[in-house]
Protein backbone atom coordinates (compact mmCIF):
# COMPACT_ATOMS: atom_id res chain seq x y z
CA MET A 1 -0.21 0.16 -0.10
CA ASN A 2 1.52 3.86 -0.85
CA PHE A 3 0.65 5.41 1.85
CA LYS A 4 2.19 8.93 0.71
CA TYR A 5 -0.07 8.32 -2.07
CA TYR A 6 -3.38 7.68 0.06
CA ALA A 7 -2.00 11.00 2.30
CA LYS A 8 -1.89 12.98 -0.65
CA SER A 9 -5.60 11.98 -1.76
CA ILE A 10 -6.85 12.96 1.60
CA ARG A 11 -5.03 16.51 1.78
CA LEU A 12 -5.75 17.16 -1.64
CA GLY A 13 -9.58 16.26 -0.62
CA LEU A 14 -9.49 18.14 2.86
CA GLY A 15 -7.79 21.34 0.77
CA ALA A 16 -11.13 21.06 -1.69
CA LEU A 17 -13.47 21.11 1.64
CA ALA A 18 -11.69 24.05 3.53
CA ILE A 19 -11.59 26.02 0.26
CA ALA A 20 -15.31 25.25 0.06
CA VAL A 21 -16.00 26.41 3.18
CA SER A 22 -13.90 29.21 3.25
CA ALA A 23 -15.65 30.41 0.23
CA GLN A 24 -19.21 30.15 2.04
CA ALA A 25 -17.50 32.10 5.19
CA ALA A 26 -16.18 35.26 2.69
CA VAL A 27 -19.46 35.57 0.76
CA ALA A 28 -21.38 35.51 4.15
CA ALA A 29 -19.25 38.60 4.94
CA SER A 30 -18.80 40.22 2.34
CA ALA A 31 -19.72 43.61 1.39
CA TRP A 32 -23.11 44.58 0.35
CA GLN A 33 -24.82 47.69 -0.53
CA ILE A 34 -28.28 49.72 0.63
CA ASN A 35 -30.31 52.74 -0.20
CA PRO A 36 -32.53 54.00 1.72
CA LEU A 37 -34.99 55.69 -0.71
CA GLY A 38 -35.29 52.39 -3.16
CA SER A 39 -34.35 54.41 -6.04
CA GLY A 40 -31.84 51.97 -7.24
CA VAL A 41 -28.03 50.95 -6.81
CA ALA A 42 -26.96 54.68 -8.12
CA GLY A 43 -27.91 55.98 -4.99
CA ALA A 44 -26.43 53.12 -2.89
CA SER A 45 -24.07 53.19 -0.11
CA SER A 46 -21.35 50.26 0.12
CA VAL A 47 -21.27 48.51 3.84
CA SER A 48 -20.39 45.62 5.86
CA GLU A 49 -23.17 45.63 8.62
CA ILE A 50 -25.66 48.23 9.82
CA LYS A 51 -25.89 49.31 13.71
CA VAL A 52 -29.35 48.76 14.91
CA GLY A 53 -31.20 49.93 18.33
CA GLY A 54 -34.19 49.47 19.52
CA VAL A 55 -36.18 47.96 22.50
CA GLY A 56 -38.39 44.26 23.18
CA PHE A 57 -40.40 42.21 25.36
CA VAL A 58 -39.06 38.97 26.74
CA GLN A 59 -42.12 36.53 27.94
CA LEU A 60 -40.64 33.17 29.55
CA LEU A 61 -42.42 30.07 29.98
CA PRO A 62 -40.89 26.80 32.21
CA ASN A 63 -41.91 23.67 31.08
CA GLY A 64 -42.79 22.57 34.22
CA TYR A 65 -42.47 23.27 38.22
CA ASN A 66 -39.37 21.59 38.53
CA SER A 67 -37.85 22.22 35.44
CA PRO A 68 -35.02 24.10 34.82
CA LEU A 69 -36.20 24.13 30.94
CA PHE A 70 -38.34 27.12 29.29
CA THR A 71 -39.43 28.09 26.16
CA PHE A 72 -39.41 32.14 25.64
CA ILE A 73 -40.82 34.65 22.88
CA GLU A 74 -39.61 38.13 22.28
CA THR A 75 -41.57 40.84 20.39
CA GLY A 76 -39.95 44.10 19.27
CA VAL A 77 -38.44 47.27 17.13
CA TYR A 78 -34.76 48.43 15.76
CA ARG A 79 -33.86 51.45 14.34
CA ALA A 80 -31.09 51.57 11.27
CA LEU A 81 -28.37 53.83 12.88
CA ASN A 82 -25.84 55.83 11.04
CA ALA A 83 -21.96 54.79 11.90
CA ASP A 84 -21.56 56.50 15.37
CA GLY A 85 -25.32 55.33 16.52
CA SER A 86 -26.24 59.27 16.94
CA GLY A 87 -29.08 59.26 14.80
CA PRO A 88 -31.08 57.32 11.83
CA LEU A 89 -29.24 56.16 8.93
CA GLY A 90 -30.32 57.75 5.70
CA ALA A 91 -32.36 59.56 3.97
CA ASN A 92 -35.26 57.46 4.94
CA ASP A 93 -35.86 56.06 8.25
CA LEU A 94 -35.33 51.98 8.04
CA THR A 95 -37.08 49.94 10.53
CA VAL A 96 -37.19 46.37 11.77
CA THR A 97 -40.11 44.51 13.38
CA TYR A 98 -39.21 41.13 14.64
CA SER A 99 -40.78 38.18 16.68
CA VAL A 100 -38.62 35.29 17.89
CA SER A 101 -39.10 32.09 19.64
CA GLY A 102 -36.77 29.66 21.28
CA THR A 103 -35.85 27.24 24.32
CA GLY A 104 -33.63 28.05 27.30
CA ASN A 105 -32.13 26.68 30.62
CA PHE A 106 -32.33 28.70 33.84
CA LEU A 107 -29.12 26.86 35.15
CA ASP A 108 -27.25 27.06 31.74
CA ALA A 109 -27.22 30.71 30.03
CA SER A 110 -25.19 29.13 27.03
CA ALA A 111 -28.13 26.60 26.40
CA LEU A 112 -30.61 29.71 24.82
CA HIS A 113 -31.69 28.41 21.56
CA LEU A 114 -33.54 30.44 18.73
CA ASN A 115 -35.54 27.95 16.46
CA SER A 116 -38.20 30.21 14.49
CA GLY A 117 -39.76 33.58 14.11
CA SER A 118 -39.51 36.79 11.57
CA VAL A 119 -37.88 39.82 10.71
CA ASN A 120 -39.25 42.33 8.71
CA LEU A 121 -37.38 45.43 6.95
CA TYR A 122 -39.46 48.92 6.56
CA ALA A 123 -38.14 52.04 4.85
CA ASP A 124 -40.17 54.94 5.93
CA ALA A 125 -40.01 58.95 4.72
CA ASN A 126 -41.18 59.83 7.86
CA PHE A 127 -38.87 59.88 10.71
CA ASP A 128 -41.55 58.46 13.29
CA PHE A 129 -39.38 55.90 15.07
CA GLY A 130 -40.67 55.89 18.93
CA THR A 131 -44.28 57.37 18.16
CA SER A 132 -47.59 55.50 18.14
CA ALA A 133 -47.78 55.46 14.35
CA GLY A 134 -48.41 52.14 13.00
CA THR A 135 -46.76 50.20 15.99
CA TYR A 136 -44.00 52.02 17.37
CA GLY A 137 -43.39 54.17 14.29
CA ALA A 138 -41.63 50.87 13.08
CA ASP A 139 -44.11 49.45 10.67
CA ASN A 140 -46.16 52.03 8.59
CA GLY A 141 -43.59 52.73 5.73
CA THR A 142 -42.60 50.66 3.04
CA LYS A 143 -41.88 46.84 3.70
CA VAL A 144 -39.21 46.34 2.09
CA ALA A 145 -37.91 42.55 2.97
CA SER A 146 -39.12 39.86 5.29
CA PHE A 147 -37.25 36.83 6.82
CA ASP A 148 -37.74 33.78 8.65
CA ILE A 149 -35.42 33.13 11.34
CA PHE A 150 -34.40 29.39 11.52
CA SER A 151 -31.63 29.58 13.93
CA GLY A 152 -29.69 31.42 16.72
CA TYR A 153 -27.80 31.23 19.94
CA VAL A 154 -26.20 33.14 22.66
CA THR A 155 -22.52 33.03 23.00
CA SER A 156 -20.49 33.34 26.75
CA ALA A 157 -19.94 37.21 26.49
CA GLY A 158 -24.03 37.31 26.27
CA LEU A 159 -23.93 38.50 21.93
CA VAL A 160 -27.33 36.69 21.25
CA THR A 161 -26.81 35.78 17.16
CA VAL A 162 -29.84 35.42 15.07
CA ASN A 163 -30.18 33.80 11.40
CA ALA A 164 -32.77 34.06 8.69
CA ASN A 165 -33.49 33.51 5.50
CA GLY A 166 -35.16 35.95 3.08
CA VAL A 167 -38.77 34.81 2.00
CA ALA A 168 -39.44 34.62 -1.04
CA GLY A 169 -40.69 37.07 -3.81
CA SER A 170 -40.57 39.17 -0.47
CA VAL A 171 -37.19 41.69 -1.23
CA VAL A 172 -38.57 44.89 -2.84
CA SER A 173 -36.28 46.27 -5.96
CA GLY A 174 -34.05 49.52 -5.39
CA TYR A 175 -33.55 49.22 -1.57
CA LEU A 176 -30.78 45.89 -1.29
CA PHE A 177 -27.46 45.02 -3.39
CA ASN A 178 -24.91 42.72 -3.24
CA ALA A 179 -21.03 43.93 -3.45
CA ASP A 180 -21.49 43.50 -7.80
CA GLY A 181 -24.74 45.81 -7.41
CA ALA A 182 -27.14 43.04 -8.23
CA ASP A 183 -30.21 43.91 -6.75
CA MET A 184 -31.03 41.36 -4.14
CA ALA A 185 -34.84 41.75 -5.75
CA THR A 186 -33.63 39.39 -8.68
CA LEU A 187 -31.51 37.00 -6.23
CA SER A 188 -31.89 33.91 -4.17
CA ASN A 189 -31.00 32.57 -0.89
CA ILE A 190 -30.70 36.08 0.59
CA GLN A 191 -29.63 35.86 3.98
CA LEU A 192 -29.81 38.05 7.02
CA GLN A 193 -27.90 37.90 10.48
CA LEU A 194 -28.83 39.97 13.60
CA ASN A 195 -25.94 40.22 16.53
CA ILE A 196 -27.60 41.96 19.19
CA PHE A 197 -26.43 42.82 23.14
CA ASN A 198 -29.77 43.17 25.23
CA GLN A 199 -30.23 44.30 29.06
CA PRO A 200 -33.03 44.73 30.85
CA THR A 201 -34.88 48.17 31.06
CA TRP A 202 -38.08 50.43 32.21
CA PRO A 203 -40.43 50.86 29.61
CA ASP A 204 -41.44 54.19 29.30
CA SER A 205 -45.15 54.65 28.82
CA MET A 206 -44.72 54.56 24.46
CA GLN A 207 -42.79 51.26 24.89
CA LEU A 208 -45.69 49.87 27.13
CA SER A 209 -48.19 50.80 25.04
CA GLU A 210 -47.10 50.01 21.83
CA ILE A 211 -44.62 46.94 22.44
CA ILE A 212 -45.57 45.12 25.48
CA CYS A 213 -49.74 45.52 25.63
CA GLY A 214 -49.71 46.08 21.57
CA MET A 215 -47.25 43.64 19.49
CA ALA A 216 -46.65 41.43 22.64
CA GLY A 217 -50.24 41.07 23.71
CA TYR A 218 -49.16 40.77 26.86
CA LYS A 219 -52.28 40.74 29.78
CA GLY A 220 -50.23 41.23 32.44
CA SER A 221 -49.33 43.62 34.83
CA GLY A 222 -49.21 47.71 33.16
CA CYS A 223 -51.57 46.17 30.57
CA ASP A 224 -54.74 45.44 33.06
CA GLY A 225 -54.86 48.81 34.45
CA THR A 226 -52.93 48.38 36.92
CA ASP A 227 -48.79 49.56 36.92
CA PHE A 228 -46.08 47.53 34.93
CA ILE A 229 -44.02 45.65 37.12
CA PRO A 230 -41.10 43.59 35.46
CA THR A 231 -40.60 39.69 36.73
CA ALA A 232 -37.80 37.25 36.03
CA LEU A 233 -40.52 35.17 33.53
CA ALA A 234 -41.62 38.81 31.70
CA PHE A 235 -39.56 42.11 31.23
CA ALA A 236 -38.78 44.87 28.83
CA VAL A 237 -34.76 44.81 27.24
CA GLN A 238 -33.04 47.48 25.66
CA ASP A 239 -31.68 46.12 22.58
CA GLY A 240 -28.22 47.41 20.25
CA GLY A 241 -25.87 45.79 17.85
CA SER A 242 -25.67 45.35 14.03
CA VAL A 243 -27.42 43.45 10.48
CA THR A 244 -25.92 42.14 8.02
CA ILE A 245 -27.70 41.02 4.71
CA SER A 246 -26.35 38.69 1.73
CA ALA A 247 -26.71 36.75 -1.10
CA VAL A 248 -25.56 33.47 -0.42
CA PRO A 249 -24.87 30.83 -2.94
CA GLU A 250 -26.60 28.10 -2.99
CA PRO A 251 -25.34 24.80 -1.76
CA GLU A 252 -25.54 23.45 -5.27
CA THR A 253 -22.82 25.62 -5.79
CA PHE A 254 -20.40 24.75 -3.56
CA MET A 255 -20.93 21.26 -4.71
CA LEU A 256 -19.95 21.92 -7.87
CA LEU A 257 -16.73 23.44 -6.43
CA LEU A 258 -16.13 20.62 -4.26
CA ALA A 259 -16.59 18.29 -7.52
CA GLY A 260 -14.32 20.26 -9.76
CA LEU A 261 -11.19 20.48 -7.31
CA GLY A 262 -11.60 16.62 -6.93
CA GLY A 263 -11.69 16.31 -10.97
CA ILE A 264 -8.31 18.41 -10.28
CA SER A 265 -7.27 15.42 -7.66
CA VAL A 266 -8.37 12.53 -9.73
CA VAL A 267 -6.23 13.79 -12.71
CA SER A 268 -3.38 14.53 -10.66
CA ARG A 269 -3.46 10.72 -9.64
CA ARG A 270 -3.12 9.54 -12.80
CA ARG A 271 -0.68 11.17 -13.92
CA GLN A 272 1.21 10.52 -10.68
CA LYS A 273 0.43 6.43 -12.22
CA ASP A 274 1.66 7.04 -15.29
CA ALA A 275 5.21 8.43 -14.13
CA CYS A 276 5.39 5.20 -12.33
């Protein structure tokens, strides 16, 4: 048995896999373009991520009296911010509404997993985020895109990462573009990633009315005629972080890449045999 020959074959195979994985990661992290006005790529700005800030409401439901496990749902809103986080991003107000659910463990913060939910992106000529227009001024503009959440987790540092796929046909032309200027409305496999830090906060009257009682449909304190009192199972959060949107090549693209590199490996082996 020619161990050197087989070792080289394994290295070629692993190299092909590494190239494919690296290529996918590079696409996910690449720059993209956004035009808040929706007027096309000529007015778009290149970004790698966009800062966001907002508020949400978390409700936890224990699985049982003696169980440390729970399910949860968080509902809330974000606003896209400029680079230093001091104000709105662009000529239109870009806002987000979201609802996400998942599971967790009271004894292990790292066991938090997100498994479903939705994210909607809006563009609004009226900068009324934080008002009673629509829902907290976050959903009364043009809906630019919708996403379905499929996974998420929390890191040891407390960063919550949310992954979502674009809903087919939901992306409106003129707003979102890949690095090459292609309109994402014409592309498939659009993905969104949110990276968020949140911390408990005391809601003001607008957040209580619009987010907690309205959007989340909470029926407890603050929404039943009494003063709002946060608990370990129902509380408001202040969110801050970033969002990225990308058009990721279909899995078939990477399979073709692997197949091509595998073909190179086969040719190389044949040449080695011919040389022997």
